[in-house]
Amino acid sequence: MTPSTNGLSGTSPMHEFATTSRDLEIEGDDAGGHLPSPELRKFLAEIKGQAQFLLYLADQIEESLVQLSQESDPCHGAFLCKVLGMYSTQLETKHQGLGEKIAETCQEVYVTVRERELG
């Protein structure tokens, strides 16, 4: 059950386009040598990690639902239902955590921008 696309035919998963902390350092150097704080880089990395997991989880749910719709063996169908229940719980938990992390990161970005404007 390894995803190869993000649900759109022939496209790459979104996490393949994620910016690395090295990219942030290079962009920061171009902007006059002001790098994002280590805390901001940590927050951004955590958001990307959680978002990548959510994308993976969504791919797994989609694939499992397709398998379930094609399943004729009741035992395997029951197994897929349990797996989907587990995925659903994980999706809910990770979604809540991501929202909190995004709020923290937005605050850190605001502080960083304000410091830059005042500095």
PDB file of N, CA and C in Angstrom:
ATOM      1  N   MET A   1       0.822  -1.196   0.000  1.00  0.00           N
ATOM      2  CA  MET A   1       0.000   0.000   0.000  1.00  0.00           C
ATOM      3  C   MET A   1       0.859   1.250   0.000  1.00  0.00           C
ATOM      4  N   THR A   2       1.750   1.390  -0.899  1.00  0.00           N
ATOM      5  CA  THR A   2       2.574   2.585  -0.954  1.00  0.00           C
ATOM      6  C   THR A   2       2.034   3.514  -2.021  1.00  0.00           C
ATOM      7  N   PRO A   3       1.798   4.779  -1.655  1.00  0.00           N
ATOM      8  CA  PRO A   3       1.236   5.719  -2.611  1.00  0.00           C
ATOM      9  C   PRO A   3       2.289   6.183  -3.596  1.00  0.00           C
ATOM     10  N   SER A   4       1.870   6.368  -4.829  1.00  0.00           N
ATOM     11  CA  SER A   4       2.789   6.904  -5.824  1.00  0.00           C
ATOM     12  C   SER A   4       2.272   8.224  -6.378  1.00  0.00           C
ATOM     13  N   THR A   5       1.038   8.536  -6.107  1.00  0.00           N
ATOM     14  CA  THR A   5       0.486   9.812  -6.544  1.00  0.00           C
ATOM     15  C   THR A   5      -0.357  10.390  -5.438  1.00  0.00           C
ATOM     16  N   ASN A   6      -0.765  11.629  -5.596  1.00  0.00           N
ATOM     17  CA  ASN A   6      -1.596  12.276  -4.593  1.00  0.00           C
ATOM     18  C   ASN A   6      -3.062  12.178  -4.955  1.00  0.00           C
ATOM     19  N   GLY A   7      -3.434  11.211  -5.741  1.00  0.00           N
ATOM     20  CA  GLY A   7      -4.820  11.026  -6.127  1.00  0.00           C
ATOM     21  C   GLY A   7      -5.126  11.586  -7.510  1.00  0.00           C
ATOM     22  N   LEU A   8      -4.225  12.364  -8.061  1.00  0.00           N
ATOM     23  CA  LEU A   8      -4.408  12.913  -9.400  1.00  0.00           C
ATOM     24  C   LEU A   8      -3.532  12.114 -10.346  1.00  0.00           C
ATOM     25  N   SER A   9      -4.089  11.644 -11.393  1.00  0.00           N
ATOM     26  CA  SER A   9      -3.382  10.770 -12.305  1.00  0.00           C
ATOM     27  C   SER A   9      -2.110  11.422 -12.840  1.00  0.00           C
ATOM     28  N   GLY A  10      -0.983  10.740 -12.608  1.00  0.00           N
ATOM     29  CA  GLY A  10       0.279  11.177 -13.168  1.00  0.00           C
ATOM     30  C   GLY A  10       0.945  12.328 -12.437  1.00  0.00           C
ATOM     31  N   THR A  11       0.491  12.684 -11.240  1.00  0.00           N
ATOM     32  CA  THR A  11       1.135  13.773 -10.520  1.00  0.00           C
ATOM     33  C   THR A  11       1.896  13.225  -9.332  1.00  0.00           C
ATOM     34  N   SER A  12       2.886  13.981  -8.875  1.00  0.00           N
ATOM     35  CA  SER A  12       3.699  13.570  -7.743  1.00  0.00           C
ATOM     36  C   SER A  12       3.035  13.975  -6.439  1.00  0.00           C
ATOM     37  N   PRO A  13       3.328  13.251  -5.357  1.00  0.00           N
ATOM     38  CA  PRO A  13       2.818  13.664  -4.057  1.00  0.00           C
ATOM     39  C   PRO A  13       3.318  15.070  -3.716  1.00  0.00           C
ATOM     40  N   MET A  14       2.493  15.826  -3.009  1.00  0.00           N
ATOM     41  CA  MET A  14       2.844  17.209  -2.679  1.00  0.00           C
ATOM     42  C   MET A  14       4.119  17.299  -1.861  1.00  0.00           C
ATOM     43  N   HIS A  15       4.406  16.312  -1.011  1.00  0.00           N
ATOM     44  CA  HIS A  15       5.587  16.420  -0.173  1.00  0.00           C
ATOM     45  C   HIS A  15       6.878  16.398  -0.983  1.00  0.00           C
ATOM     46  N   GLU A  16       6.834  15.962  -2.235  1.00  0.00           N
ATOM     47  CA  GLU A  16       8.036  16.000  -3.053  1.00  0.00           C
ATOM     48  C   GLU A  16       8.423  17.429  -3.404  1.00  0.00           C
ATOM     49  N   PHE A  17       7.503  18.366  -3.225  1.00  0.00           N
ATOM     50  CA  PHE A  17       7.774  19.757  -3.544  1.00  0.00           C
ATOM     51  C   PHE A  17       8.071  20.584  -2.299  1.00  0.00           C
ATOM     52  N   ALA A  18       8.203  19.927  -1.155  1.00  0.00           N
ATOM     53  CA  ALA A  18       8.413  20.640   0.103  1.00  0.00           C
ATOM     54  C   ALA A  18       9.763  21.347   0.098  1.00  0.00           C
ATOM     55  N   THR A  19       9.807  22.511   0.721  1.00  0.00           N
ATOM     56  CA  THR A  19      11.026  23.282   0.852  1.00  0.00           C
ATOM     57  C   THR A  19      11.837  22.727   2.008  1.00  0.00           C
ATOM     58  N   THR A  20      13.133  22.567   1.817  1.00  0.00           N
ATOM     59  CA  THR A  20      13.988  22.069   2.884  1.00  0.00           C
ATOM     60  C   THR A  20      14.518  23.239   3.699  1.00  0.00           C
ATOM     61  N   SER A  21      15.059  22.933   4.882  1.00  0.00           N
ATOM     62  CA  SER A  21      15.624  23.998   5.701  1.00  0.00           C
ATOM     63  C   SER A  21      16.801  24.642   4.980  1.00  0.00           C
ATOM     64  N   ARG A  22      17.523  23.899   4.152  1.00  0.00           N
ATOM     65  CA  ARG A  22      18.634  24.460   3.366  1.00  0.00           C
ATOM     66  C   ARG A  22      18.094  25.485   2.372  1.00  0.00           C
ATOM     67  N   ASP A  23      16.923  25.211   1.747  1.00  0.00           N
ATOM     68  CA  ASP A  23      16.309  26.176   0.850  1.00  0.00           C
ATOM     69  C   ASP A  23      15.982  27.461   1.595  1.00  0.00           C
ATOM     70  N   LEU A  24      15.501  27.329   2.829  1.00  0.00           N
ATOM     71  CA  LEU A  24      15.179  28.511   3.622  1.00  0.00           C
ATOM     72  C   LEU A  24      16.434  29.316   3.911  1.00  0.00           C
ATOM     73  N   GLU A  25      17.547  28.647   4.203  1.00  0.00           N
ATOM     74  CA  GLU A  25      18.790  29.349   4.470  1.00  0.00           C
ATOM     75  C   GLU A  25      19.248  30.128   3.242  1.00  0.00           C
ATOM     76  N   ILE A  26      19.159  29.505   2.066  1.00  0.00           N
ATOM     77  CA  ILE A  26      19.571  30.168   0.834  1.00  0.00           C
ATOM     78  C   ILE A  26      18.690  31.373   0.562  1.00  0.00           C
ATOM     79  N   GLU A  27      17.369  31.205   0.700  1.00  0.00           N
ATOM     80  CA  GLU A  27      16.461  32.321   0.485  1.00  0.00           C
ATOM     81  C   GLU A  27      16.732  33.430   1.480  1.00  0.00           C
ATOM     82  N   GLY A  28      17.028  33.061   2.730  1.00  0.00           N
ATOM     83  CA  GLY A  28      17.314  34.056   3.749  1.00  0.00           C
ATOM     84  C   GLY A  28      18.575  34.823   3.423  1.00  0.00           C
ATOM     85  N   ASP A  29      19.601  34.125   2.907  1.00  0.00           N
ATOM     86  CA  ASP A  29      20.832  34.797   2.536  1.00  0.00           C
ATOM     87  C   ASP A  29      20.586  35.806   1.427  1.00  0.00           C
ATOM     88  N   ASP A  30      19.728  35.473   0.466  1.00  0.00           N
ATOM     89  CA  ASP A  30      19.428  36.385  -0.629  1.00  0.00           C
ATOM     90  C   ASP A  30      18.679  37.613  -0.146  1.00  0.00           C
ATOM     91  N   ALA A  31      17.986  37.494   0.993  1.00  0.00           N
ATOM     92  CA  ALA A  31      17.171  38.590   1.505  1.00  0.00           C
ATOM     93  C   ALA A  31      17.961  39.468   2.465  1.00  0.00           C
ATOM     94  N   GLY A  32      19.278  39.443   2.386  1.00  0.00           N
ATOM     95  CA  GLY A  32      20.061  40.328   3.216  1.00  0.00           C
ATOM     96  C   GLY A  32      20.688  39.646   4.419  1.00  0.00           C
ATOM     97  N   GLY A  33      20.780  38.335   4.435  1.00  0.00           N
ATOM     98  CA  GLY A  33      21.449  37.619   5.500  1.00  0.00           C
ATOM     99  C   GLY A  33      20.587  37.313   6.706  1.00  0.00           C
ATOM    100  N   HIS A  34      19.312  37.642   6.697  1.00  0.00           N
ATOM    101  CA  HIS A  34      18.417  37.353   7.823  1.00  0.00           C
ATOM    102  C   HIS A  34      17.795  35.980   7.629  1.00  0.00           C
ATOM    103  N   LEU A  35      18.257  35.026   8.424  1.00  0.00           N
ATOM    104  CA  LEU A  35      17.723  33.671   8.342  1.00  0.00           C
ATOM    105  C   LEU A  35      16.521  33.547   9.266  1.00  0.00           C
ATOM    106  N   PRO A  36      15.593  32.676   8.937  1.00  0.00           N
ATOM    107  CA  PRO A  36      14.516  32.401   9.886  1.00  0.00           C
ATOM    108  C   PRO A  36      15.117  31.846  11.174  1.00  0.00           C
ATOM    109  N   SER A  37      14.482  32.143  12.288  1.00  0.00           N
ATOM    110  CA  SER A  37      14.974  31.653  13.571  1.00  0.00           C
ATOM    111  C   SER A  37      14.936  30.122  13.589  1.00  0.00           C
ATOM    112  N   PRO A  38      15.774  29.517  14.415  1.00  0.00           N
ATOM    113  CA  PRO A  38      15.728  28.057  14.522  1.00  0.00           C
ATOM    114  C   PRO A  38      14.342  27.566  14.942  1.00  0.00           C
ATOM    115  N   GLU A  39      13.667  28.318  15.794  1.00  0.00           N
ATOM    116  CA  GLU A  39      12.334  27.923  16.228  1.00  0.00           C
ATOM    117  C   GLU A  39      11.352  27.939  15.055  1.00  0.00           C
ATOM    118  N   LEU A  40      11.421  28.977  14.216  1.00  0.00           N
ATOM    119  CA  LEU A  40      10.533  29.053  13.055  1.00  0.00           C
ATOM    120  C   LEU A  40      10.830  27.919  12.087  1.00  0.00           C
ATOM    121  N   ARG A  41      12.098  27.643  11.849  1.00  0.00           N
ATOM    122  CA  ARG A  41      12.444  26.525  10.959  1.00  0.00           C
ATOM    123  C   ARG A  41      11.940  25.202  11.523  1.00  0.00           C
ATOM    124  N   LYS A  42      12.008  25.049  12.851  1.00  0.00           N
ATOM    125  CA  LYS A  42      11.498  23.830  13.496  1.00  0.00           C
ATOM    126  C   LYS A  42       9.987  23.724  13.291  1.00  0.00           C
ATOM    127  N   PHE A  43       9.258  24.819  13.516  1.00  0.00           N
ATOM    128  CA  PHE A  43       7.809  24.816  13.318  1.00  0.00           C
ATOM    129  C   PHE A  43       7.460  24.448  11.882  1.00  0.00           C
ATOM    130  N   LEU A  44       8.154  25.042  10.924  1.00  0.00           N
ATOM    131  CA  LEU A  44       7.880  24.755   9.510  1.00  0.00           C
ATOM    132  C   LEU A  44       8.175  23.294   9.177  1.00  0.00           C
ATOM    133  N   ALA A  45       9.262  22.775   9.712  1.00  0.00           N
ATOM    134  CA  ALA A  45       9.597  21.371   9.473  1.00  0.00           C
ATOM    135  C   ALA A  45       8.531  20.442  10.058  1.00  0.00           C
ATOM    136  N   GLU A  46       8.017  20.787  11.239  1.00  0.00           N
ATOM    137  CA  GLU A  46       6.972  19.963  11.855  1.00  0.00           C
ATOM    138  C   GLU A  46       5.691  20.004  11.024  1.00  0.00           C
ATOM    139  N   ILE A  47       5.340  21.178  10.511  1.00  0.00           N
ATOM    140  CA  ILE A  47       4.148  21.285   9.663  1.00  0.00           C
ATOM    141  C   ILE A  47       4.320  20.434   8.413  1.00  0.00           C
ATOM    142  N   LYS A  48       5.480  20.532   7.777  1.00  0.00           N
ATOM    143  CA  LYS A  48       5.710  19.741   6.569  1.00  0.00           C
ATOM    144  C   LYS A  48       5.652  18.252   6.863  1.00  0.00           C
ATOM    145  N   GLY A  49       6.227  17.829   7.990  1.00  0.00           N
ATOM    146  CA  GLY A  49       6.185  16.422   8.358  1.00  0.00           C
ATOM    147  C   GLY A  49       4.762  15.941   8.590  1.00  0.00           C
ATOM    148  N   GLN A  50       3.979  16.739   9.316  1.00  0.00           N
ATOM    149  CA  GLN A  50       2.594  16.346   9.571  1.00  0.00           C
ATOM    150  C   GLN A  50       1.777  16.367   8.286  1.00  0.00           C
ATOM    151  N   ALA A  51       2.017  17.359   7.438  1.00  0.00           N
ATOM    152  CA  ALA A  51       1.281  17.436   6.171  1.00  0.00           C
ATOM    153  C   ALA A  51       1.634  16.246   5.276  1.00  0.00           C
ATOM    154  N   GLN A  52       2.894  15.871   5.250  1.00  0.00           N
ATOM    155  CA  GLN A  52       3.303  14.702   4.466  1.00  0.00           C
ATOM    156  C   GLN A  52       2.600  13.444   4.966  1.00  0.00           C
ATOM    157  N   PHE A  53       2.520  13.310   6.289  1.00  0.00           N
ATOM    158  CA  PHE A  53       1.842  12.139   6.842  1.00  0.00           C
ATOM    159  C   PHE A  53       0.365  12.153   6.469  1.00  0.00           C
ATOM    160  N   LEU A  54      -0.277  13.326   6.525  1.00  0.00           N
ATOM    161  CA  LEU A  54      -1.684  13.427   6.147  1.00  0.00           C
ATOM    162  C   LEU A  54      -1.892  13.057   4.686  1.00  0.00           C
ATOM    163  N   LEU A  55      -0.992  13.483   3.810  1.00  0.00           N
ATOM    164  CA  LEU A  55      -1.088  13.110   2.396  1.00  0.00           C
ATOM    165  C   LEU A  55      -0.957  11.593   2.230  1.00  0.00           C
ATOM    166  N   TYR A  56       0.000  11.022   2.914  1.00  0.00           N
ATOM    167  CA  TYR A  56       0.193   9.574   2.861  1.00  0.00           C
ATOM    168  C   TYR A  56      -1.055   8.854   3.364  1.00  0.00           C
ATOM    169  N   LEU A  57      -1.579   9.325   4.485  1.00  0.00           N
ATOM    170  CA  LEU A  57      -2.754   8.713   5.081  1.00  0.00           C
ATOM    171  C   LEU A  57      -3.962   8.814   4.150  1.00  0.00           C
ATOM    172  N   ALA A  58      -4.141   9.961   3.524  1.00  0.00           N
ATOM    173  CA  ALA A  58      -5.256  10.134   2.578  1.00  0.00           C
ATOM    174  C   ALA A  58      -5.107   9.175   1.400  1.00  0.00           C
ATOM    175  N   ASP A  59      -3.890   9.010   0.916  1.00  0.00           N
ATOM    176  CA  ASP A  59      -3.649   8.047  -0.173  1.00  0.00           C
ATOM    177  C   ASP A  59      -4.002   6.631   0.267  1.00  0.00           C
ATOM    178  N   GLN A  60      -3.623   6.266   1.499  1.00  0.00           N
ATOM    179  CA  GLN A  60      -3.907   4.930   2.004  1.00  0.00           C
ATOM    180  C   GLN A  60      -5.412   4.710   2.180  1.00  0.00           C
ATOM    181  N   ILE A  61      -6.111   5.734   2.659  1.00  0.00           N
ATOM    182  CA  ILE A  61      -7.564   5.629   2.814  1.00  0.00           C
ATOM    183  C   ILE A  61      -8.216   5.436   1.455  1.00  0.00           C
ATOM    184  N   GLU A  62      -7.793   6.234   0.489  1.00  0.00           N
ATOM    185  CA  GLU A  62      -8.357   6.126  -0.864  1.00  0.00           C
ATOM    186  C   GLU A  62      -8.119   4.735  -1.444  1.00  0.00           C
ATOM    187  N   GLU A  63      -6.913   4.240  -1.307  1.00  0.00           N
ATOM    188  CA  GLU A  63      -6.576   2.919  -1.836  1.00  0.00           C
ATOM    189  C   GLU A  63      -7.373   1.825  -1.119  1.00  0.00           C
ATOM    190  N   SER A  64      -7.513   1.941   0.193  1.00  0.00           N
ATOM    191  CA  SER A  64      -8.268   0.941   0.959  1.00  0.00           C
ATOM    192  C   SER A  64      -9.746   0.958   0.606  1.00  0.00           C
ATOM    193  N   LEU A  65     -10.306   2.139   0.361  1.00  0.00           N
ATOM    194  CA  LEU A  65     -11.716   2.229  -0.031  1.00  0.00           C
ATOM    195  C   LEU A  65     -11.955   1.565  -1.387  1.00  0.00           C
ATOM    196  N   VAL A  66     -11.011   1.738  -2.306  1.00  0.00           N
ATOM    197  CA  VAL A  66     -11.124   1.082  -3.613  1.00  0.00           C
ATOM    198  C   VAL A  66     -11.071  -0.427  -3.430  1.00  0.00           C
ATOM    199  N   GLN A  67     -10.128  -0.889  -2.616  1.00  0.00           N
ATOM    200  CA  GLN A  67     -10.017  -2.326  -2.355  1.00  0.00           C
ATOM    201  C   GLN A  67     -11.294  -2.857  -1.705  1.00  0.00           C
ATOM    202  N   LEU A  68     -11.846  -2.108  -0.770  1.00  0.00           N
ATOM    203  CA  LEU A  68     -13.064  -2.534  -0.084  1.00  0.00           C
ATOM    204  C   LEU A  68     -14.232  -2.663  -1.055  1.00  0.00           C
ATOM    205  N   SER A  69     -14.328  -1.721  -1.983  1.00  0.00           N
ATOM    206  CA  SER A  69     -15.441  -1.775  -2.944  1.00  0.00           C
ATOM    207  C   SER A  69     -15.322  -2.956  -3.896  1.00  0.00           C
ATOM    208  N   GLN A  70     -14.099  -3.485  -4.059  1.00  0.00           N
ATOM    209  CA  GLN A  70     -13.879  -4.608  -4.972  1.00  0.00           C
ATOM    210  C   GLN A  70     -13.762  -5.945  -4.237  1.00  0.00           C
ATOM    211  N   GLU A  71     -13.845  -5.918  -2.906  1.00  0.00           N
ATOM    212  CA  GLU A  71     -13.604  -7.124  -2.105  1.00  0.00           C
ATOM    213  C   GLU A  71     -14.845  -8.009  -2.028  1.00  0.00           C
ATOM    214  N   SER A  72     -14.645  -9.297  -2.325  1.00  0.00           N
ATOM    215  CA  SER A  72     -15.753 -10.253  -2.227  1.00  0.00           C
ATOM    216  C   SER A  72     -15.609 -11.171  -1.003  1.00  0.00           C
ATOM    217  N   ASP A  73     -14.414 -11.260  -0.443  1.00  0.00           N
ATOM    218  CA  ASP A  73     -14.169 -12.092   0.737  1.00  0.00           C
ATOM    219  C   ASP A  73     -14.577 -11.324   1.993  1.00  0.00           C
ATOM    220  N   PRO A  74     -15.589 -11.807   2.733  1.00  0.00           N
ATOM    221  CA  PRO A  74     -16.061 -11.092   3.923  1.00  0.00           C
ATOM    222  C   PRO A  74     -14.979 -10.891   4.990  1.00  0.00           C
ATOM    223  N   CYS A  75     -14.067 -11.851   5.122  1.00  0.00           N
ATOM    224  CA  CYS A  75     -12.994 -11.720   6.116  1.00  0.00           C
ATOM    225  C   CYS A  75     -12.050 -10.577   5.754  1.00  0.00           C
ATOM    226  N   HIS A  76     -11.679 -10.527   4.482  1.00  0.00           N
ATOM    227  CA  HIS A  76     -10.783  -9.459   4.049  1.00  0.00           C
ATOM    228  C   HIS A  76     -11.502  -8.116   4.088  1.00  0.00           C
ATOM    229  N   GLY A  77     -12.794  -8.121   3.782  1.00  0.00           N
ATOM    230  CA  GLY A  77     -13.593  -6.893   3.878  1.00  0.00           C
ATOM    231  C   GLY A  77     -13.651  -6.386   5.308  1.00  0.00           C
ATOM    232  N   ALA A  78     -13.814  -7.285   6.269  1.00  0.00           N
ATOM    233  CA  ALA A  78     -13.836  -6.898   7.683  1.00  0.00           C
ATOM    234  C   ALA A  78     -12.481  -6.328   8.106  1.00  0.00           C
ATOM    235  N   PHE A  79     -11.404  -6.949   7.598  1.00  0.00           N
ATOM    236  CA  PHE A  79     -10.061  -6.434   7.887  1.00  0.00           C
ATOM    237  C   PHE A  79      -9.890  -5.023   7.335  1.00  0.00           C
ATOM    238  N   LEU A  80     -10.314  -4.801   6.098  1.00  0.00           N
ATOM    239  CA  LEU A  80     -10.207  -3.476   5.501  1.00  0.00           C
ATOM    240  C   LEU A  80     -11.017  -2.443   6.279  1.00  0.00           C
ATOM    241  N   CYS A  81     -12.185  -2.840   6.786  1.00  0.00           N
ATOM    242  CA  CYS A  81     -13.000  -1.921   7.599  1.00  0.00           C
ATOM    243  C   CYS A  81     -12.265  -1.534   8.881  1.00  0.00           C
ATOM    244  N   LYS A  82     -11.580  -2.494   9.506  1.00  0.00           N
ATOM    245  CA  LYS A  82     -10.799  -2.180  10.712  1.00  0.00           C
ATOM    246  C   LYS A  82      -9.647  -1.246  10.379  1.00  0.00           C
ATOM    247  N   VAL A  83      -8.982  -1.509   9.274  1.00  0.00           N
ATOM    248  CA  VAL A  83      -7.877  -0.648   8.842  1.00  0.00           C
ATOM    249  C   VAL A  83      -8.390   0.768   8.570  1.00  0.00           C
ATOM    250  N   LEU A  84      -9.521   0.872   7.893  1.00  0.00           N
ATOM    251  CA  LEU A  84     -10.095   2.194   7.605  1.00  0.00           C
ATOM    252  C   LEU A  84     -10.492   2.920   8.888  1.00  0.00           C
ATOM    253  N   GLY A  85     -10.999   2.196   9.872  1.00  0.00           N
ATOM    254  CA  GLY A  85     -11.307   2.805  11.166  1.00  0.00           C
ATOM    255  C   GLY A  85     -10.062   3.362  11.832  1.00  0.00           C
ATOM    256  N   MET A  86      -8.972   2.598  11.759  1.00  0.00           N
ATOM    257  CA  MET A  86      -7.695   3.049  12.309  1.00  0.00           C
ATOM    258  C   MET A  86      -7.202   4.289  11.571  1.00  0.00           C
ATOM    259  N   TYR A  87      -7.269   4.255  10.239  1.00  0.00           N
ATOM    260  CA  TYR A  87      -6.852   5.411   9.441  1.00  0.00           C
ATOM    261  C   TYR A  87      -7.684   6.650   9.784  1.00  0.00           C
ATOM    262  N   SER A  88      -8.980   6.451   9.973  1.00  0.00           N
ATOM    263  CA  SER A  88      -9.872   7.557  10.294  1.00  0.00           C
ATOM    264  C   SER A  88      -9.477   8.216  11.616  1.00  0.00           C
ATOM    265  N   THR A  89      -9.166   7.388  12.601  1.00  0.00           N
ATOM    266  CA  THR A  89      -8.737   7.911  13.901  1.00  0.00           C
ATOM    267  C   THR A  89      -7.434   8.688  13.769  1.00  0.00           C
ATOM    268  N   GLN A  90      -6.484   8.125  13.024  1.00  0.00           N
ATOM    269  CA  GLN A  90      -5.210   8.808  12.803  1.00  0.00           C
ATOM    270  C   GLN A  90      -5.403  10.131  12.075  1.00  0.00           C
ATOM    271  N   LEU A  91      -6.273  10.130  11.080  1.00  0.00           N
ATOM    272  CA  LEU A  91      -6.546  11.342  10.311  1.00  0.00           C
ATOM    273  C   LEU A  91      -7.092  12.435  11.215  1.00  0.00           C
ATOM    274  N   GLU A  92      -8.029  12.086  12.063  1.00  0.00           N
ATOM    275  CA  GLU A  92      -8.616  13.072  12.974  1.00  0.00           C
ATOM    276  C   GLU A  92      -7.570  13.618  13.939  1.00  0.00           C
ATOM    277  N   THR A  93      -6.774  12.734  14.519  1.00  0.00           N
ATOM    278  CA  THR A  93      -5.750  13.148  15.475  1.00  0.00           C
ATOM    279  C   THR A  93      -4.710  14.048  14.824  1.00  0.00           C
ATOM    280  N   LYS A  94      -4.198  13.638  13.679  1.00  0.00           N
ATOM    281  CA  LYS A  94      -3.161  14.419  13.002  1.00  0.00           C
ATOM    282  C   LYS A  94      -3.701  15.747  12.490  1.00  0.00           C
ATOM    283  N   HIS A  95      -4.947  15.767  12.055  1.00  0.00           N
ATOM    284  CA  HIS A  95      -5.553  17.006  11.577  1.00  0.00           C
ATOM    285  C   HIS A  95      -5.590  18.037  12.702  1.00  0.00           C
ATOM    286  N   GLN A  96      -5.998  17.615  13.893  1.00  0.00           N
ATOM    287  CA  GLN A  96      -6.056  18.539  15.027  1.00  0.00           C
ATOM    288  C   GLN A  96      -4.664  19.052  15.378  1.00  0.00           C
ATOM    289  N   GLY A  97      -3.685  18.174  15.406  1.00  0.00           N
ATOM    290  CA  GLY A  97      -2.318  18.575  15.717  1.00  0.00           C
ATOM    291  C   GLY A  97      -1.753  19.535  14.692  1.00  0.00           C
ATOM    292  N   LEU A  98      -2.092  19.327  13.435  1.00  0.00           N
ATOM    293  CA  LEU A  98      -1.596  20.196  12.376  1.00  0.00           C
ATOM    294  C   LEU A  98      -2.168  21.607  12.526  1.00  0.00           C
ATOM    295  N   GLY A  99      -3.457  21.699  12.854  1.00  0.00           N
ATOM    296  CA  GLY A  99      -4.077  23.010  13.038  1.00  0.00           C
ATOM    297  C   GLY A  99      -3.392  23.812  14.135  1.00  0.00           C
ATOM    298  N   GLU A 100      -3.079  23.150  15.235  1.00  0.00           N
ATOM    299  CA  GLU A 100      -2.393  23.821  16.341  1.00  0.00           C
ATOM    300  C   GLU A 100      -0.998  24.266  15.919  1.00  0.00           C
ATOM    301  N   LYS A 101      -0.296  23.411  15.206  1.00  0.00           N
ATOM    302  CA  LYS A 101       1.069  23.738  14.785  1.00  0.00           C
ATOM    303  C   LYS A 101       1.063  24.894  13.770  1.00  0.00           C
ATOM    304  N   ILE A 102       0.064  24.921  12.897  1.00  0.00           N
ATOM    305  CA  ILE A 102      -0.036  26.021  11.932  1.00  0.00           C
ATOM    306  C   ILE A 102      -0.264  27.342  12.663  1.00  0.00           C
ATOM    307  N   ALA A 103      -1.117  27.339  13.676  1.00  0.00           N
ATOM    308  CA  ALA A 103      -1.374  28.559  14.445  1.00  0.00           C
ATOM    309  C   ALA A 103      -0.094  29.054  15.123  1.00  0.00           C
ATOM    310  N   GLU A 104       0.675  28.149  15.728  1.00  0.00           N
ATOM    311  CA  GLU A 104       1.941  28.526  16.358  1.00  0.00           C
ATOM    312  C   GLU A 104       2.920  29.087  15.333  1.00  0.00           C
ATOM    313  N   THR A 105       2.977  28.449  14.174  1.00  0.00           N
ATOM    314  CA  THR A 105       3.904  28.881  13.137  1.00  0.00           C
ATOM    315  C   THR A 105       3.523  30.252  12.593  1.00  0.00           C
ATOM    316  N   CYS A 106       2.238  30.472  12.386  1.00  0.00           N
ATOM    317  CA  CYS A 106       1.783  31.790  11.905  1.00  0.00           C
ATOM    318  C   CYS A 106       2.192  32.883  12.883  1.00  0.00           C
ATOM    319  N   GLN A 107       2.069  32.604  14.171  1.00  0.00           N
ATOM    320  CA  GLN A 107       2.476  33.588  15.180  1.00  0.00           C
ATOM    321  C   GLN A 107       3.973  33.851  15.089  1.00  0.00           C
ATOM    322  N   GLU A 108       4.761  32.805  14.913  1.00  0.00           N
ATOM    323  CA  GLU A 108       6.207  32.963  14.810  1.00  0.00           C
ATOM    324  C   GLU A 108       6.586  33.733  13.542  1.00  0.00           C
ATOM    325  N   VAL A 109       5.877  33.476  12.440  1.00  0.00           N
ATOM    326  CA  VAL A 109       6.126  34.227  11.207  1.00  0.00           C
ATOM    327  C   VAL A 109       5.809  35.701  11.429  1.00  0.00           C
ATOM    328  N   TYR A 110       4.694  35.976  12.084  1.00  0.00           N
ATOM    329  CA  TYR A 110       4.310  37.362  12.371  1.00  0.00           C
ATOM    330  C   TYR A 110       5.403  38.063  13.182  1.00  0.00           C
ATOM    331  N   VAL A 111       5.906  37.403  14.220  1.00  0.00           N
ATOM    332  CA  VAL A 111       6.959  37.984  15.053  1.00  0.00           C
ATOM    333  C   VAL A 111       8.208  38.240  14.220  1.00  0.00           C
ATOM    334  N   THR A 112       8.570  37.290  13.376  1.00  0.00           N
ATOM    335  CA  THR A 112       9.756  37.431  12.525  1.00  0.00           C
ATOM    336  C   THR A 112       9.616  38.614  11.572  1.00  0.00           C
ATOM    337  N   VAL A 113       8.456  38.740  10.965  1.00  0.00           N
ATOM    338  CA  VAL A 113       8.216  39.849  10.028  1.00  0.00           C
ATOM    339  C   VAL A 113       8.249  41.185  10.760  1.00  0.00           C
ATOM    340  N   ARG A 114       7.611  41.243  11.933  1.00  0.00           N
ATOM    341  CA  ARG A 114       7.594  42.489  12.714  1.00  0.00           C
ATOM    342  C   ARG A 114       9.019  42.899  13.101  1.00  0.00           C
ATOM    343  N   GLU A 115       9.844  41.925  13.527  1.00  0.00           N
ATOM    344  CA  GLU A 115      11.230  42.232  13.873  1.00  0.00           C
ATOM    345  C   GLU A 115      11.991  42.783  12.675  1.00  0.00           C
ATOM    346  N   ARG A 116      11.721  42.220  11.525  1.00  0.00           N
ATOM    347  CA  ARG A 116      12.389  42.669  10.299  1.00  0.00           C
ATOM    348  C   ARG A 116      11.953  44.078   9.924  1.00  0.00           C
ATOM    349  N   GLU A 117      10.654  44.359  10.064  1.00  0.00           N
ATOM    350  CA  GLU A 117      10.141  45.695   9.740  1.00  0.00           C
ATOM    351  C   GLU A 117      10.674  46.755  10.686  1.00  0.00           C
ATOM    352  N   LEU A 118      10.844  46.393  11.939  1.00  0.00           N
ATOM    353  CA  LEU A 118      11.324  47.342  12.942  1.00  0.00           C
ATOM    354  C   LEU A 118      12.843  47.461  12.952  1.00  0.00           C
ATOM    355  N   GLY A 119      13.523  46.438  12.425  1.00  0.00           N
ATOM    356  CA  GLY A 119      14.985  46.389  12.481  1.00  0.00           C
ATOM    357  C   GLY A 119      15.656  47.035  11.360  1.00  0.00           C
TER     358      GLY A 119
END
